[in-house]
Structure formats: C-alpha cells, structure tokens
Amino acid sequence: MMVSSLDQAGNRSDSRAAQTMAEFVIDKTPPRCVVTGIEPGAVYREREREVRIDAGENYCLDQLQVFQNGELVAETDQEQLTWIFSGSSQWQTLRVYARDKAGNEYKGDEITVWVSDKGIMPQKRKRCLQQRKQVMGQRRTTQRDLQRDQKRNRNGGHMARSRRHT
C-alpha cells in the first residue's frame, strides 16, 4: 500500500519516496481462550489449584483478565497466565475476559469449582451440576459409573442381579 500526504503549505510526500511500506491488518476475530487445570463443577480436595489460561490471538492481544468470585484478580497483556485458586469453604467461580488491539472481545462462561483440603463440601448448587453435565457436550464419568463398569467386567459384561431369598 502506498500512502501519500499533502500539508497546508502544498508539500507532497508519499511512502515510495521515503521507501517505507505501510502494513495493516483487518481483524474481526475475537481472541480464543482455553482454561486448563479445572473443570466446571469439579471438586478438588487440595489446599490450592493451579489454573492456566491460554489466550490465542490472531494478531495482538490487548488485555487478558481473570475474575474470581466476580472480582478482578489478575490482568495482563500476555497470551498466557497462570492463576492459583486458594482453598475455600465455599464454591468459587472463575471467569476469563480477553480483548485484542482491534477491540474484539472474548467473555468466557463462569466456571464453578470447589477447592479445599479441609471441611465438608457445601451442598452442590443446581447451576454447578448443570455446568458439569454440559462440559464439551459430553457426559462426565462419575465414581458410580466406574464402579458399575468394574462390576460388569468381573461378571463377563453383565450386571449381576441380587436376589432376595425369603
């Protein structure tokens, strides 16, 4: 692309004369963010849990923000960020927001987790359970599923039925 300019005194200048090139990018694609280290609705019986956020961007990331329980807890212009969830006696939420230099925005879904190595887990909230079932559109494997599969394997692929003798 060639750029030319004309000032009020009538002087003309263009990029060919200065031997410079003007480069530009048309970016309409929002950043994409991947959160690893936690899953929606998960329970982590640990004192703390490390979370990694990767914000891939086509051109240039302007801002990456992490919100924990609705409060801004981390902010950077780098494409990668590591955050530590400290243990709590309550369910906690994480939400990621990213914006690139063109103004395109990414607003991530709220991720609800429980992180604590102490105490009794509070009763799960309905939203948390729904979130867990919707992860990537797949059914999550539970401890009960694993036990059922182990029984099937021991019984040649069939569930053994218990009969009550009276």
Protein backbone atom coordinates (compact mmCIF):
# COMPACT_ATOMS: atom_id res chain seq x y z
CA MET A 1 0.00 0.00 0.00
CA MET A 2 1.24 3.46 -0.84
CA VAL A 3 0.43 6.39 1.41
CA SER A 4 0.66 9.99 0.28
CA SER A 5 0.08 13.21 2.18
CA LEU A 6 -0.30 16.88 1.37
CA ASP A 7 0.29 19.53 4.04
CA GLN A 8 -1.25 23.04 4.20
CA ALA A 9 1.81 24.58 2.53
CA GLY A 10 1.31 22.34 -0.53
CA ASN A 11 4.20 19.95 0.16
CA ARG A 12 3.51 16.43 -1.05
CA SER A 13 5.09 13.29 0.38
CA ASP A 14 4.48 9.62 -0.25
CA SER A 15 5.73 6.31 1.06
CA ARG A 16 7.53 5.48 -2.22
CA ALA A 17 9.81 8.50 -1.82
CA ALA A 18 10.58 7.53 1.79
CA GLN A 19 10.93 3.87 0.75
CA THR A 20 8.66 2.73 3.53
CA MET A 21 5.80 0.31 3.47
CA ALA A 22 2.60 0.65 5.42
CA GLU A 23 1.21 -2.60 6.82
CA PHE A 24 -2.20 -3.13 8.33
CA VAL A 25 -4.42 -5.96 9.48
CA ILE A 26 -8.20 -6.23 9.39
CA ASP A 27 -9.07 -8.31 12.43
CA LYS A 28 -12.67 -9.22 13.19
CA THR A 29 -11.92 -12.46 15.04
CA PRO A 30 -12.19 -12.41 18.85
CA PRO A 31 -9.39 -13.95 20.92
CA ARG A 32 -9.94 -17.57 21.94
CA CYS A 33 -9.19 -18.64 25.50
CA VAL A 34 -8.53 -22.10 26.84
CA VAL A 35 -8.66 -22.69 30.60
CA THR A 36 -6.83 -25.79 31.84
CA GLY A 37 -6.38 -27.19 35.33
CA ILE A 38 -10.06 -27.00 36.34
CA GLU A 39 -13.35 -28.28 35.01
CA PRO A 40 -16.82 -26.85 35.64
CA GLY A 41 -18.47 -28.36 38.71
CA ALA A 42 -15.34 -30.23 39.79
CA VAL A 43 -14.26 -30.85 43.37
CA TYR A 44 -10.55 -30.55 44.18
CA ARG A 45 -9.55 -31.72 47.65
CA GLU A 46 -6.38 -29.64 47.69
CA ARG A 47 -5.16 -26.58 49.52
CA GLU A 48 -4.74 -24.77 46.19
CA ARG A 49 -5.24 -25.47 42.49
CA GLU A 50 -3.20 -24.07 39.60
CA VAL A 51 -5.14 -22.83 36.59
CA ARG A 52 -3.58 -21.92 33.26
CA ILE A 53 -5.23 -19.59 30.76
CA ASP A 54 -4.02 -19.52 27.15
CA ALA A 55 -5.44 -16.69 25.05
CA GLY A 56 -4.58 -17.42 21.44
CA GLU A 57 -4.86 -14.33 19.29
CA ASN A 58 -4.54 -13.89 15.53
CA TYR A 59 -2.84 -10.53 15.73
CA CYS A 60 -2.21 -8.76 19.03
CA LEU A 61 -3.74 -9.30 22.46
CA ASP A 62 -4.52 -6.11 24.35
CA GLN A 63 -5.91 -7.42 27.65
CA LEU A 64 -6.47 -10.71 29.46
CA GLN A 65 -8.40 -10.57 32.74
CA VAL A 66 -9.26 -13.21 35.32
CA PHE A 67 -12.21 -12.76 37.67
CA GLN A 68 -12.54 -14.93 40.78
CA ASN A 69 -15.90 -14.76 42.54
CA GLY A 70 -16.76 -11.66 40.49
CA GLU A 71 -13.63 -9.70 41.45
CA LEU A 72 -10.75 -8.88 39.10
CA VAL A 73 -7.75 -10.83 40.44
CA ALA A 74 -5.29 -10.84 37.52
CA GLU A 75 -4.67 -8.79 34.40
CA THR A 76 -2.00 -8.93 31.68
CA ASP A 77 -1.35 -8.22 28.02
CA GLN A 78 0.45 -11.55 27.63
CA GLU A 79 -1.22 -14.54 25.92
CA GLN A 80 -0.59 -16.89 28.86
CA LEU A 81 -1.42 -16.54 32.52
CA THR A 82 -1.22 -18.88 35.50
CA TRP A 83 -3.58 -18.34 38.42
CA ILE A 84 -3.68 -20.14 41.79
CA PHE A 85 -7.08 -20.92 43.32
CA SER A 86 -6.68 -20.89 47.10
CA GLY A 87 -8.81 -23.27 49.15
CA SER A 88 -12.13 -22.03 50.47
CA SER A 89 -15.06 -23.36 52.46
CA GLN A 90 -17.37 -22.20 49.63
CA TRP A 91 -17.82 -22.88 45.93
CA GLN A 92 -15.75 -20.46 43.85
CA THR A 93 -16.13 -19.09 40.35
CA LEU A 94 -13.66 -18.18 37.63
CA ARG A 95 -14.39 -16.13 34.51
CA VAL A 96 -11.96 -15.06 31.79
CA TYR A 97 -12.19 -11.94 29.62
CA ALA A 98 -9.89 -11.10 26.70
CA ARG A 99 -9.71 -8.23 24.20
CA ASP A 100 -7.40 -7.75 21.24
CA LYS A 101 -5.99 -4.46 19.86
CA ALA A 102 -8.79 -4.36 17.25
CA GLY A 103 -11.40 -4.31 20.05
CA ASN A 104 -12.69 -7.86 19.54
CA GLU A 105 -13.76 -9.41 22.86
CA TYR A 106 -14.00 -12.86 24.41
CA LYS A 107 -16.16 -13.33 27.51
CA GLY A 108 -15.82 -16.81 28.92
CA ASP A 109 -18.50 -18.77 30.72
CA GLU A 110 -18.37 -18.82 34.50
CA ILE A 111 -16.61 -21.93 35.82
CA THR A 112 -17.68 -23.06 39.30
CA VAL A 113 -15.34 -25.28 41.37
CA TRP A 114 -14.75 -26.30 44.95
CA VAL A 115 -11.12 -26.24 46.16
CA SER A 116 -10.35 -27.20 49.77
CA ASP A 117 -8.41 -29.81 51.70
CA LYS A 118 -10.46 -29.18 54.85
CA GLY A 119 -14.02 -29.36 55.93
CA ILE A 120 -17.16 -30.70 54.40
CA MET A 121 -18.09 -29.72 50.89
CA PRO A 122 -21.13 -27.44 50.80
CA GLN A 123 -24.20 -28.80 49.06
CA LYS A 124 -23.79 -28.55 45.31
CA ARG A 125 -25.77 -25.85 43.62
CA LYS A 126 -28.09 -26.75 40.76
CA ARG A 127 -26.21 -24.49 38.33
CA CYS A 128 -22.93 -26.18 39.21
CA LEU A 129 -24.36 -29.61 38.44
CA GLN A 130 -25.77 -28.39 35.13
CA GLN A 131 -22.41 -26.89 34.24
CA ARG A 132 -20.63 -30.17 34.90
CA LYS A 133 -23.02 -32.11 32.66
CA GLN A 134 -22.58 -29.64 29.81
CA VAL A 135 -18.77 -29.75 29.64
CA MET A 136 -17.95 -30.09 25.96
CA GLY A 137 -21.37 -31.65 25.43
CA GLN A 138 -20.26 -34.95 26.92
CA ARG A 139 -21.47 -36.87 29.96
CA ARG A 140 -18.92 -36.78 32.74
CA THR A 141 -17.69 -40.04 34.29
CA THR A 142 -18.58 -40.39 37.95
CA GLN A 143 -17.27 -42.71 40.65
CA ARG A 144 -20.54 -44.67 40.45
CA ASP A 145 -20.00 -45.19 36.69
CA LEU A 146 -16.51 -46.54 37.33
CA GLN A 147 -17.76 -48.97 39.99
CA ARG A 148 -20.55 -50.19 37.69
CA ASP A 149 -18.07 -50.80 34.87
CA GLN A 150 -15.77 -52.74 37.21
CA LYS A 151 -18.69 -55.00 38.23
CA ARG A 152 -19.59 -55.60 34.58
CA ASN A 153 -16.01 -56.57 33.76
CA ARG A 154 -15.92 -59.07 36.63
CA ASN A 155 -19.24 -60.58 35.51
CA GLY A 156 -18.43 -61.05 31.83
CA GLY A 157 -20.05 -57.80 30.72
CA HIS A 158 -23.36 -58.33 32.54
CA MET A 159 -24.58 -56.74 35.72
CA ALA A 160 -25.22 -59.31 38.40
CA ARG A 161 -28.65 -59.03 39.94
CA SER A 162 -29.01 -59.79 43.56
CA ARG A 163 -31.96 -61.98 44.55
CA ARG A 164 -33.50 -61.88 47.92
CA HIS A 165 -34.34 -65.28 49.39
CA THR A 166 -37.21 -65.29 51.78
